[in-house]
Amino acid sequence: MASTLTALALTCTLKPSPEPSSSDKIATQVLDELRGHGVTGGLVRVVDFDVRPGVKTDMGNGDQWPQLRERILAADILVLSTPTWVGHPSSVAQRVMERLDAELSETDDQGRPSMYGKVAVVAVVGNEDGAHKIIADCFQALNDIGFTIPASGAPTGTPRQ
């Protein structure tokens, strides 16, 4: 019996819930596409959590990153969604990557990086040139942390020539 893959979308909008967010919208679109391939999952708006600055798995004093980290560890696929702000990812996305940096020193019971075997994708809304740079920077960081980065395919809804 085949197991179902799971995805977690971390939306890095600056807008707290329930404000509408284009980052939420694109993350939902990615999850919908994954759902079409039998992947289950959900979306978390990071700004709704008290994620403390730092590069440890738990910064203490009410830090809610450990809750998000457990969900990342439980998922097969991480979707990181961010708006473009002056050519850069949001400060929330930067904080997520800083917190994921702690995984560089974490391993599983077989000595592999904690993110071994997990896939990460990045969804960016905003200026195209900025989006290209953001995707490149995020992919590099996520790959360094241990995620597998899939090759780019045709955009959703665009037939291959």
N, C-alpha and C. Protein backbone atom coordinates (compact mmCIF):
# COMPACT_ATOMS: atom_id res chain seq x y z
N MET A 1 0.84 -1.19 0.00
CA MET A 1 0.00 0.00 0.00
C MET A 1 0.88 1.25 0.00
N ALA A 2 0.69 2.10 -0.96
CA ALA A 2 1.48 3.33 -1.08
C ALA A 2 1.05 4.35 -0.04
N SER A 3 2.03 5.05 0.51
CA SER A 3 1.69 6.09 1.48
C SER A 3 1.42 7.39 0.74
N THR A 4 0.66 8.25 1.37
CA THR A 4 0.32 9.55 0.80
C THR A 4 1.39 10.56 1.16
N LEU A 5 1.84 11.31 0.18
CA LEU A 5 2.78 12.39 0.44
C LEU A 5 2.03 13.56 1.07
N THR A 6 2.73 14.30 1.93
CA THR A 6 2.13 15.46 2.57
C THR A 6 2.95 16.71 2.27
N ALA A 7 2.25 17.83 2.20
CA ALA A 7 2.90 19.12 1.94
C ALA A 7 2.49 20.12 3.01
N LEU A 8 3.41 20.98 3.37
CA LEU A 8 3.12 22.08 4.28
C LEU A 8 3.54 23.36 3.58
N ALA A 9 2.59 24.28 3.44
CA ALA A 9 2.89 25.59 2.86
C ALA A 9 3.08 26.60 3.99
N LEU A 10 4.26 27.19 4.05
CA LEU A 10 4.52 28.28 4.98
C LEU A 10 4.38 29.58 4.19
N THR A 11 3.32 30.31 4.49
CA THR A 11 3.07 31.58 3.81
C THR A 11 3.76 32.68 4.61
N CYS A 12 4.59 33.44 3.94
CA CYS A 12 5.41 34.45 4.61
C CYS A 12 4.94 35.87 4.32
N THR A 13 3.64 36.04 4.18
CA THR A 13 3.06 37.37 4.04
C THR A 13 3.33 38.17 5.30
N LEU A 14 3.29 39.48 5.18
CA LEU A 14 3.40 40.35 6.35
C LEU A 14 2.05 40.61 6.98
N LYS A 15 0.98 40.17 6.32
CA LYS A 15 -0.39 40.46 6.77
C LYS A 15 -0.89 39.36 7.70
N PRO A 16 -1.33 39.74 8.91
CA PRO A 16 -1.89 38.72 9.81
C PRO A 16 -3.27 38.27 9.33
N SER A 17 -3.66 37.08 9.74
CA SER A 17 -5.01 36.59 9.41
C SER A 17 -6.02 37.49 10.08
N PRO A 18 -7.15 37.71 9.48
CA PRO A 18 -7.69 37.10 8.26
C PRO A 18 -7.52 37.97 7.01
N GLU A 19 -6.59 38.92 7.03
CA GLU A 19 -6.41 39.79 5.85
C GLU A 19 -6.11 38.97 4.61
N PRO A 20 -6.68 39.38 3.46
CA PRO A 20 -6.36 38.67 2.21
C PRO A 20 -4.87 38.81 1.89
N SER A 21 -4.31 37.77 1.28
CA SER A 21 -2.88 37.77 0.98
C SER A 21 -2.62 37.07 -0.35
N SER A 22 -1.88 37.73 -1.22
CA SER A 22 -1.52 37.10 -2.49
C SER A 22 -0.56 35.94 -2.27
N SER A 23 0.23 36.00 -1.21
CA SER A 23 1.12 34.88 -0.88
C SER A 23 0.32 33.65 -0.47
N ASP A 24 -0.76 33.87 0.28
CA ASP A 24 -1.68 32.77 0.61
C ASP A 24 -2.29 32.19 -0.66
N LYS A 25 -2.70 33.09 -1.55
CA LYS A 25 -3.37 32.66 -2.78
C LYS A 25 -2.45 31.77 -3.62
N ILE A 26 -1.20 32.19 -3.82
CA ILE A 26 -0.31 31.38 -4.65
C ILE A 26 0.05 30.07 -3.95
N ALA A 27 0.20 30.10 -2.62
CA ALA A 27 0.48 28.86 -1.89
C ALA A 27 -0.69 27.89 -2.01
N THR A 28 -1.90 28.42 -1.95
CA THR A 28 -3.10 27.59 -2.12
C THR A 28 -3.13 26.99 -3.52
N GLN A 29 -2.75 27.76 -4.52
CA GLN A 29 -2.70 27.24 -5.89
C GLN A 29 -1.69 26.11 -6.02
N VAL A 30 -0.53 26.25 -5.39
CA VAL A 30 0.47 25.19 -5.41
C VAL A 30 -0.07 23.95 -4.72
N LEU A 31 -0.69 24.12 -3.55
CA LEU A 31 -1.27 22.98 -2.83
C LEU A 31 -2.36 22.31 -3.66
N ASP A 32 -3.17 23.10 -4.36
CA ASP A 32 -4.21 22.53 -5.23
C ASP A 32 -3.59 21.67 -6.33
N GLU A 33 -2.51 22.15 -6.93
CA GLU A 33 -1.83 21.36 -7.97
C GLU A 33 -1.27 20.07 -7.37
N LEU A 34 -0.67 20.16 -6.21
CA LEU A 34 -0.14 18.96 -5.55
C LEU A 34 -1.26 17.99 -5.20
N ARG A 35 -2.39 18.52 -4.76
CA ARG A 35 -3.54 17.69 -4.43
C ARG A 35 -3.98 16.86 -5.64
N GLY A 36 -3.86 17.44 -6.83
CA GLY A 36 -4.18 16.73 -8.05
C GLY A 36 -3.29 15.52 -8.30
N HIS A 37 -2.18 15.44 -7.56
CA HIS A 37 -1.26 14.31 -7.66
C HIS A 37 -1.34 13.44 -6.40
N GLY A 38 -2.40 13.62 -5.62
CA GLY A 38 -2.60 12.79 -4.44
C GLY A 38 -1.90 13.25 -3.19
N VAL A 39 -1.33 14.45 -3.21
CA VAL A 39 -0.62 14.98 -2.04
C VAL A 39 -1.63 15.68 -1.13
N THR A 40 -1.57 15.41 0.16
CA THR A 40 -2.42 16.11 1.12
C THR A 40 -1.57 17.18 1.80
N GLY A 41 -2.23 18.12 2.43
CA GLY A 41 -1.44 19.13 3.13
C GLY A 41 -2.25 20.32 3.57
N GLY A 42 -1.54 21.30 4.10
CA GLY A 42 -2.19 22.49 4.60
C GLY A 42 -1.28 23.69 4.55
N LEU A 43 -1.85 24.81 4.94
CA LEU A 43 -1.18 26.10 4.85
C LEU A 43 -1.09 26.73 6.24
N VAL A 44 0.04 27.34 6.53
CA VAL A 44 0.24 28.05 7.78
C VAL A 44 0.73 29.45 7.45
N ARG A 45 0.11 30.45 8.03
CA ARG A 45 0.56 31.83 7.86
C ARG A 45 1.52 32.11 9.01
N VAL A 46 2.80 32.19 8.70
CA VAL A 46 3.85 32.27 9.72
C VAL A 46 3.68 33.49 10.61
N VAL A 47 3.24 34.61 10.07
CA VAL A 47 3.12 35.85 10.84
C VAL A 47 2.11 35.71 11.98
N ASP A 48 1.25 34.71 11.93
CA ASP A 48 0.29 34.47 13.01
C ASP A 48 0.92 33.76 14.21
N PHE A 49 2.19 33.40 14.09
CA PHE A 49 2.92 32.72 15.17
C PHE A 49 4.01 33.64 15.70
N ASP A 50 4.36 33.46 16.96
CA ASP A 50 5.45 34.22 17.57
C ASP A 50 6.75 33.47 17.30
N VAL A 51 7.34 33.74 16.14
CA VAL A 51 8.60 33.09 15.76
C VAL A 51 9.73 34.06 16.10
N ARG A 52 10.50 33.67 17.10
CA ARG A 52 11.57 34.52 17.60
C ARG A 52 12.77 34.53 16.66
N PRO A 53 13.53 35.62 16.63
CA PRO A 53 14.76 35.62 15.82
C PRO A 53 15.78 34.67 16.42
N GLY A 54 16.60 34.10 15.57
CA GLY A 54 17.65 33.21 16.04
C GLY A 54 17.91 32.07 15.08
N VAL A 55 18.91 31.27 15.41
CA VAL A 55 19.28 30.15 14.56
C VAL A 55 19.35 28.85 15.37
N LYS A 56 18.43 28.71 16.33
CA LYS A 56 18.30 27.48 17.10
C LYS A 56 16.91 26.90 16.84
N THR A 57 16.73 25.62 17.12
CA THR A 57 15.43 24.99 16.91
C THR A 57 14.39 25.50 17.90
N ASP A 58 14.83 26.01 19.04
CA ASP A 58 13.91 26.59 20.03
C ASP A 58 14.63 27.72 20.74
N MET A 59 14.13 28.94 20.55
CA MET A 59 14.74 30.11 21.17
C MET A 59 14.16 30.37 22.56
N GLY A 60 13.23 29.52 23.03
CA GLY A 60 12.68 29.66 24.37
C GLY A 60 11.73 30.83 24.52
N ASN A 61 11.30 31.07 25.75
CA ASN A 61 10.46 32.23 26.10
C ASN A 61 9.25 32.43 25.19
N GLY A 62 8.50 31.37 24.95
CA GLY A 62 7.29 31.49 24.15
C GLY A 62 7.48 31.37 22.65
N ASP A 63 8.69 31.05 22.22
CA ASP A 63 8.96 30.87 20.79
C ASP A 63 8.04 29.78 20.24
N GLN A 64 7.33 30.10 19.17
CA GLN A 64 6.41 29.13 18.57
C GLN A 64 7.01 28.42 17.36
N TRP A 65 8.27 28.68 17.03
CA TRP A 65 8.90 27.97 15.93
C TRP A 65 8.87 26.46 16.12
N PRO A 66 9.10 25.94 17.35
CA PRO A 66 9.08 24.48 17.49
C PRO A 66 7.79 23.83 16.99
N GLN A 67 6.65 24.52 17.12
CA GLN A 67 5.39 23.98 16.59
C GLN A 67 5.45 23.88 15.07
N LEU A 68 5.96 24.92 14.44
CA LEU A 68 6.08 24.92 12.98
C LEU A 68 7.13 23.90 12.54
N ARG A 69 8.22 23.81 13.27
CA ARG A 69 9.28 22.86 12.93
C ARG A 69 8.76 21.43 12.94
N GLU A 70 7.95 21.09 13.93
CA GLU A 70 7.38 19.73 13.98
C GLU A 70 6.54 19.45 12.75
N ARG A 71 5.80 20.44 12.29
CA ARG A 71 4.99 20.27 11.08
C ARG A 71 5.87 20.13 9.85
N ILE A 72 6.97 20.86 9.80
CA ILE A 72 7.91 20.74 8.68
C ILE A 72 8.52 19.34 8.68
N LEU A 73 8.95 18.88 9.85
CA LEU A 73 9.54 17.55 9.96
C LEU A 73 8.56 16.45 9.56
N ALA A 74 7.28 16.67 9.81
CA ALA A 74 6.26 15.66 9.49
C ALA A 74 5.88 15.66 8.01
N ALA A 75 6.19 16.73 7.29
CA ALA A 75 5.79 16.86 5.88
C ALA A 75 6.88 16.30 4.96
N ASP A 76 6.46 15.89 3.77
CA ASP A 76 7.39 15.45 2.73
C ASP A 76 7.83 16.61 1.85
N ILE A 77 6.94 17.60 1.70
CA ILE A 77 7.16 18.72 0.79
C ILE A 77 6.94 20.02 1.56
N LEU A 78 7.89 20.94 1.44
CA LEU A 78 7.74 22.28 2.00
C LEU A 78 7.49 23.25 0.86
N VAL A 79 6.43 24.03 0.98
CA VAL A 79 6.15 25.11 0.04
C VAL A 79 6.41 26.41 0.79
N LEU A 80 7.36 27.18 0.33
CA LEU A 80 7.67 28.47 0.95
C LEU A 80 7.13 29.55 0.02
N SER A 81 6.19 30.33 0.53
CA SER A 81 5.54 31.37 -0.27
C SER A 81 5.85 32.73 0.33
N THR A 82 6.27 33.67 -0.54
CA THR A 82 6.64 35.00 -0.05
C THR A 82 6.29 36.07 -1.07
N PRO A 83 5.96 37.25 -0.59
CA PRO A 83 5.84 38.39 -1.50
C PRO A 83 7.24 38.94 -1.81
N THR A 84 7.30 39.78 -2.80
CA THR A 84 8.53 40.49 -3.15
C THR A 84 8.49 41.87 -2.51
N TRP A 85 9.53 42.20 -1.75
CA TRP A 85 9.65 43.53 -1.17
C TRP A 85 10.99 44.09 -1.60
N VAL A 86 10.96 45.11 -2.43
CA VAL A 86 12.15 45.75 -3.01
C VAL A 86 13.20 44.72 -3.45
N GLY A 87 12.72 43.73 -4.18
CA GLY A 87 13.61 42.73 -4.75
C GLY A 87 14.04 41.62 -3.81
N HIS A 88 13.46 41.56 -2.63
CA HIS A 88 13.86 40.58 -1.63
C HIS A 88 12.63 39.85 -1.09
N PRO A 89 12.85 38.67 -0.47
CA PRO A 89 11.73 38.01 0.20
C PRO A 89 11.30 38.84 1.40
N SER A 90 10.12 38.57 1.90
CA SER A 90 9.65 39.28 3.09
C SER A 90 10.56 38.98 4.28
N SER A 91 10.50 39.85 5.27
CA SER A 91 11.28 39.62 6.49
C SER A 91 10.83 38.33 7.18
N VAL A 92 9.58 37.97 6.99
CA VAL A 92 9.06 36.72 7.58
C VAL A 92 9.74 35.52 6.90
N ALA A 93 9.86 35.55 5.57
CA ALA A 93 10.54 34.47 4.85
C ALA A 93 12.01 34.39 5.27
N GLN A 94 12.64 35.54 5.44
CA GLN A 94 14.03 35.55 5.89
C GLN A 94 14.15 34.92 7.27
N ARG A 95 13.21 35.24 8.14
CA ARG A 95 13.23 34.65 9.48
C ARG A 95 13.06 33.14 9.41
N VAL A 96 12.16 32.66 8.55
CA VAL A 96 11.96 31.21 8.39
C VAL A 96 13.28 30.56 7.98
N MET A 97 13.97 31.15 7.02
CA MET A 97 15.23 30.55 6.57
C MET A 97 16.30 30.61 7.66
N GLU A 98 16.30 31.69 8.44
CA GLU A 98 17.24 31.78 9.57
C GLU A 98 16.95 30.67 10.58
N ARG A 99 15.69 30.43 10.84
CA ARG A 99 15.34 29.38 11.80
C ARG A 99 15.62 27.99 11.23
N LEU A 100 15.40 27.82 9.93
CA LEU A 100 15.74 26.54 9.29
C LEU A 100 17.25 26.29 9.31
N ASP A 101 18.04 27.34 9.42
CA ASP A 101 19.49 27.21 9.48
C ASP A 101 19.92 26.29 10.63
N ALA A 102 19.13 26.23 11.68
CA ALA A 102 19.44 25.36 12.82
C ALA A 102 19.50 23.90 12.39
N GLU A 103 18.80 23.57 11.30
CA GLU A 103 18.76 22.18 10.84
C GLU A 103 20.12 21.72 10.29
N LEU A 104 21.02 22.66 10.01
CA LEU A 104 22.35 22.27 9.54
C LEU A 104 23.08 21.40 10.55
N SER A 105 22.76 21.55 11.83
CA SER A 105 23.43 20.75 12.86
C SER A 105 22.54 19.64 13.41
N GLU A 106 21.37 19.44 12.81
CA GLU A 106 20.45 18.40 13.27
C GLU A 106 20.51 17.21 12.31
N THR A 107 20.45 16.00 12.86
CA THR A 107 20.44 14.79 12.04
C THR A 107 19.35 13.84 12.50
N ASP A 108 18.99 12.91 11.61
CA ASP A 108 18.01 11.89 11.98
C ASP A 108 18.74 10.73 12.66
N ASP A 109 18.01 9.66 12.97
CA ASP A 109 18.60 8.53 13.69
C ASP A 109 19.63 7.76 12.86
N GLN A 110 19.73 8.07 11.57
CA GLN A 110 20.73 7.44 10.71
C GLN A 110 21.89 8.38 10.39
N GLY A 111 21.93 9.53 11.06
CA GLY A 111 23.01 10.48 10.87
C GLY A 111 22.88 11.37 9.65
N ARG A 112 21.73 11.33 9.00
CA ARG A 112 21.50 12.18 7.82
C ARG A 112 20.95 13.53 8.26
N PRO A 113 21.12 14.57 7.42
CA PRO A 113 20.53 15.87 7.75
C PRO A 113 19.03 15.73 8.02
N SER A 114 18.51 16.51 8.96
CA SER A 114 17.10 16.36 9.36
C SER A 114 16.13 16.59 8.22
N MET A 115 16.52 17.33 7.21
CA MET A 115 15.62 17.59 6.08
C MET A 115 15.87 16.64 4.91
N TYR A 116 16.69 15.62 5.13
CA TYR A 116 16.99 14.63 4.10
C TYR A 116 15.70 13.98 3.60
N GLY A 117 15.59 13.87 2.28
CA GLY A 117 14.42 13.22 1.68
C GLY A 117 13.22 14.12 1.52
N LYS A 118 13.33 15.36 1.92
CA LYS A 118 12.22 16.31 1.78
C LYS A 118 12.46 17.21 0.57
N VAL A 119 11.38 17.58 -0.07
CA VAL A 119 11.44 18.46 -1.24
C VAL A 119 10.95 19.84 -0.82
N ALA A 120 11.59 20.88 -1.35
CA ALA A 120 11.13 22.25 -1.10
C ALA A 120 10.86 22.94 -2.43
N VAL A 121 9.77 23.69 -2.46
CA VAL A 121 9.44 24.53 -3.61
C VAL A 121 9.19 25.94 -3.09
N VAL A 122 9.40 26.91 -3.95
CA VAL A 122 9.24 28.31 -3.57
C VAL A 122 8.24 28.96 -4.51
N ALA A 123 7.30 29.70 -3.95
CA ALA A 123 6.31 30.44 -4.73
C ALA A 123 6.42 31.91 -4.35
N VAL A 124 6.61 32.76 -5.36
CA VAL A 124 6.84 34.18 -5.11
C VAL A 124 5.84 35.01 -5.89
N VAL A 125 5.29 36.02 -5.24
CA VAL A 125 4.42 36.98 -5.92
C VAL A 125 5.12 38.33 -5.95
N GLY A 126 4.92 39.05 -7.04
CA GLY A 126 5.52 40.37 -7.15
C GLY A 126 6.32 40.51 -8.42
N ASN A 127 7.20 41.49 -8.43
CA ASN A 127 8.01 41.84 -9.59
C ASN A 127 8.80 40.64 -10.11
N GLU A 128 8.76 40.43 -11.44
CA GLU A 128 9.40 39.25 -12.03
C GLU A 128 10.90 39.18 -11.76
N ASP A 129 11.62 40.29 -11.97
CA ASP A 129 13.06 40.26 -11.73
C ASP A 129 13.36 39.95 -10.27
N GLY A 130 12.63 40.57 -9.37
CA GLY A 130 12.80 40.30 -7.95
C GLY A 130 12.46 38.86 -7.63
N ALA A 131 11.41 38.34 -8.25
CA ALA A 131 10.99 36.96 -8.00
C ALA A 131 12.08 35.98 -8.41
N HIS A 132 12.72 36.22 -9.55
CA HIS A 132 13.80 35.32 -9.99
C HIS A 132 14.92 35.28 -8.96
N LYS A 133 15.30 36.44 -8.46
CA LYS A 133 16.38 36.50 -7.47
C LYS A 133 15.95 35.83 -6.16
N ILE A 134 14.72 36.09 -5.73
CA ILE A 134 14.22 35.49 -4.49
C ILE A 134 14.21 33.97 -4.60
N ILE A 135 13.70 33.47 -5.71
CA ILE A 135 13.64 32.02 -5.89
C ILE A 135 15.05 31.43 -5.86
N ALA A 136 15.99 32.06 -6.56
CA ALA A 136 17.37 31.57 -6.56
C ALA A 136 17.96 31.56 -5.16
N ASP A 137 17.79 32.65 -4.42
CA ASP A 137 18.33 32.74 -3.06
C ASP A 137 17.69 31.72 -2.13
N CYS A 138 16.37 31.59 -2.21
CA CYS A 138 15.66 30.64 -1.35
C CYS A 138 16.04 29.21 -1.68
N PHE A 139 16.10 28.89 -2.98
CA PHE A 139 16.49 27.53 -3.37
C PHE A 139 17.89 27.20 -2.86
N GLN A 140 18.82 28.14 -2.98
CA GLN A 140 20.17 27.89 -2.50
C GLN A 140 20.17 27.61 -1.00
N ALA A 141 19.47 28.45 -0.24
CA ALA A 141 19.41 28.26 1.21
C ALA A 141 18.75 26.93 1.57
N LEU A 142 17.62 26.63 0.95
CA LEU A 142 16.90 25.40 1.26
C LEU A 142 17.72 24.17 0.88
N ASN A 143 18.45 24.24 -0.23
CA ASN A 143 19.32 23.14 -0.63
C ASN A 143 20.46 22.97 0.38
N ASP A 144 21.05 24.08 0.83
CA ASP A 144 22.11 24.01 1.84
C ASP A 144 21.60 23.35 3.12
N ILE A 145 20.35 23.59 3.46
CA ILE A 145 19.75 23.06 4.68
C ILE A 145 19.45 21.57 4.54
N GLY A 146 19.38 21.07 3.30
CA GLY A 146 19.19 19.63 3.11
C GLY A 146 18.00 19.23 2.27
N PHE A 147 17.19 20.20 1.86
CA PHE A 147 16.03 19.90 1.03
C PHE A 147 16.48 19.56 -0.40
N THR A 148 15.70 18.74 -1.07
CA THR A 148 15.88 18.50 -2.49
C THR A 148 15.07 19.55 -3.23
N ILE A 149 15.67 20.15 -4.24
CA ILE A 149 15.01 21.18 -5.04
C ILE A 149 14.69 20.56 -6.40
N PRO A 150 13.40 20.49 -6.76
CA PRO A 150 13.04 19.88 -8.04
C PRO A 150 13.42 20.78 -9.21
N ALA A 151 13.62 20.14 -10.36
CA ALA A 151 13.87 20.91 -11.58
C ALA A 151 12.62 21.69 -11.95
N SER A 152 12.80 22.81 -12.59
CA SER A 152 11.66 23.63 -13.02
C SER A 152 10.94 22.95 -14.16
N GLY A 153 9.63 23.07 -14.14
CA GLY A 153 8.81 22.56 -15.23
C GLY A 153 8.03 23.69 -15.84
N ALA A 154 7.10 23.35 -16.69
CA ALA A 154 6.23 24.37 -17.29
C ALA A 154 5.35 24.96 -16.22
N PRO A 155 5.11 26.27 -16.24
CA PRO A 155 4.19 26.87 -15.28
C PRO A 155 2.81 26.22 -15.37
N THR A 156 2.09 26.23 -14.28
CA THR A 156 0.76 25.67 -14.24
C THR A 156 -0.09 26.23 -15.36
N GLY A 157 -0.74 25.35 -16.08
CA GLY A 157 -1.65 25.76 -17.13
C GLY A 157 -0.97 26.08 -18.45
N THR A 158 0.35 26.01 -18.49
CA THR A 158 1.06 26.29 -19.73
C THR A 158 1.45 24.97 -20.38
N PRO A 159 0.93 24.69 -21.57
CA PRO A 159 1.30 23.43 -22.23
C PRO A 159 2.75 23.48 -22.70
N ARG A 160 3.39 22.35 -22.67
CA ARG A 160 4.76 22.26 -23.19
C ARG A 160 4.70 22.27 -24.71
N GLN A 161 5.65 22.92 -25.33
CA GLN A 161 5.70 23.01 -26.80
C GLN A 161 6.42 21.82 -27.38
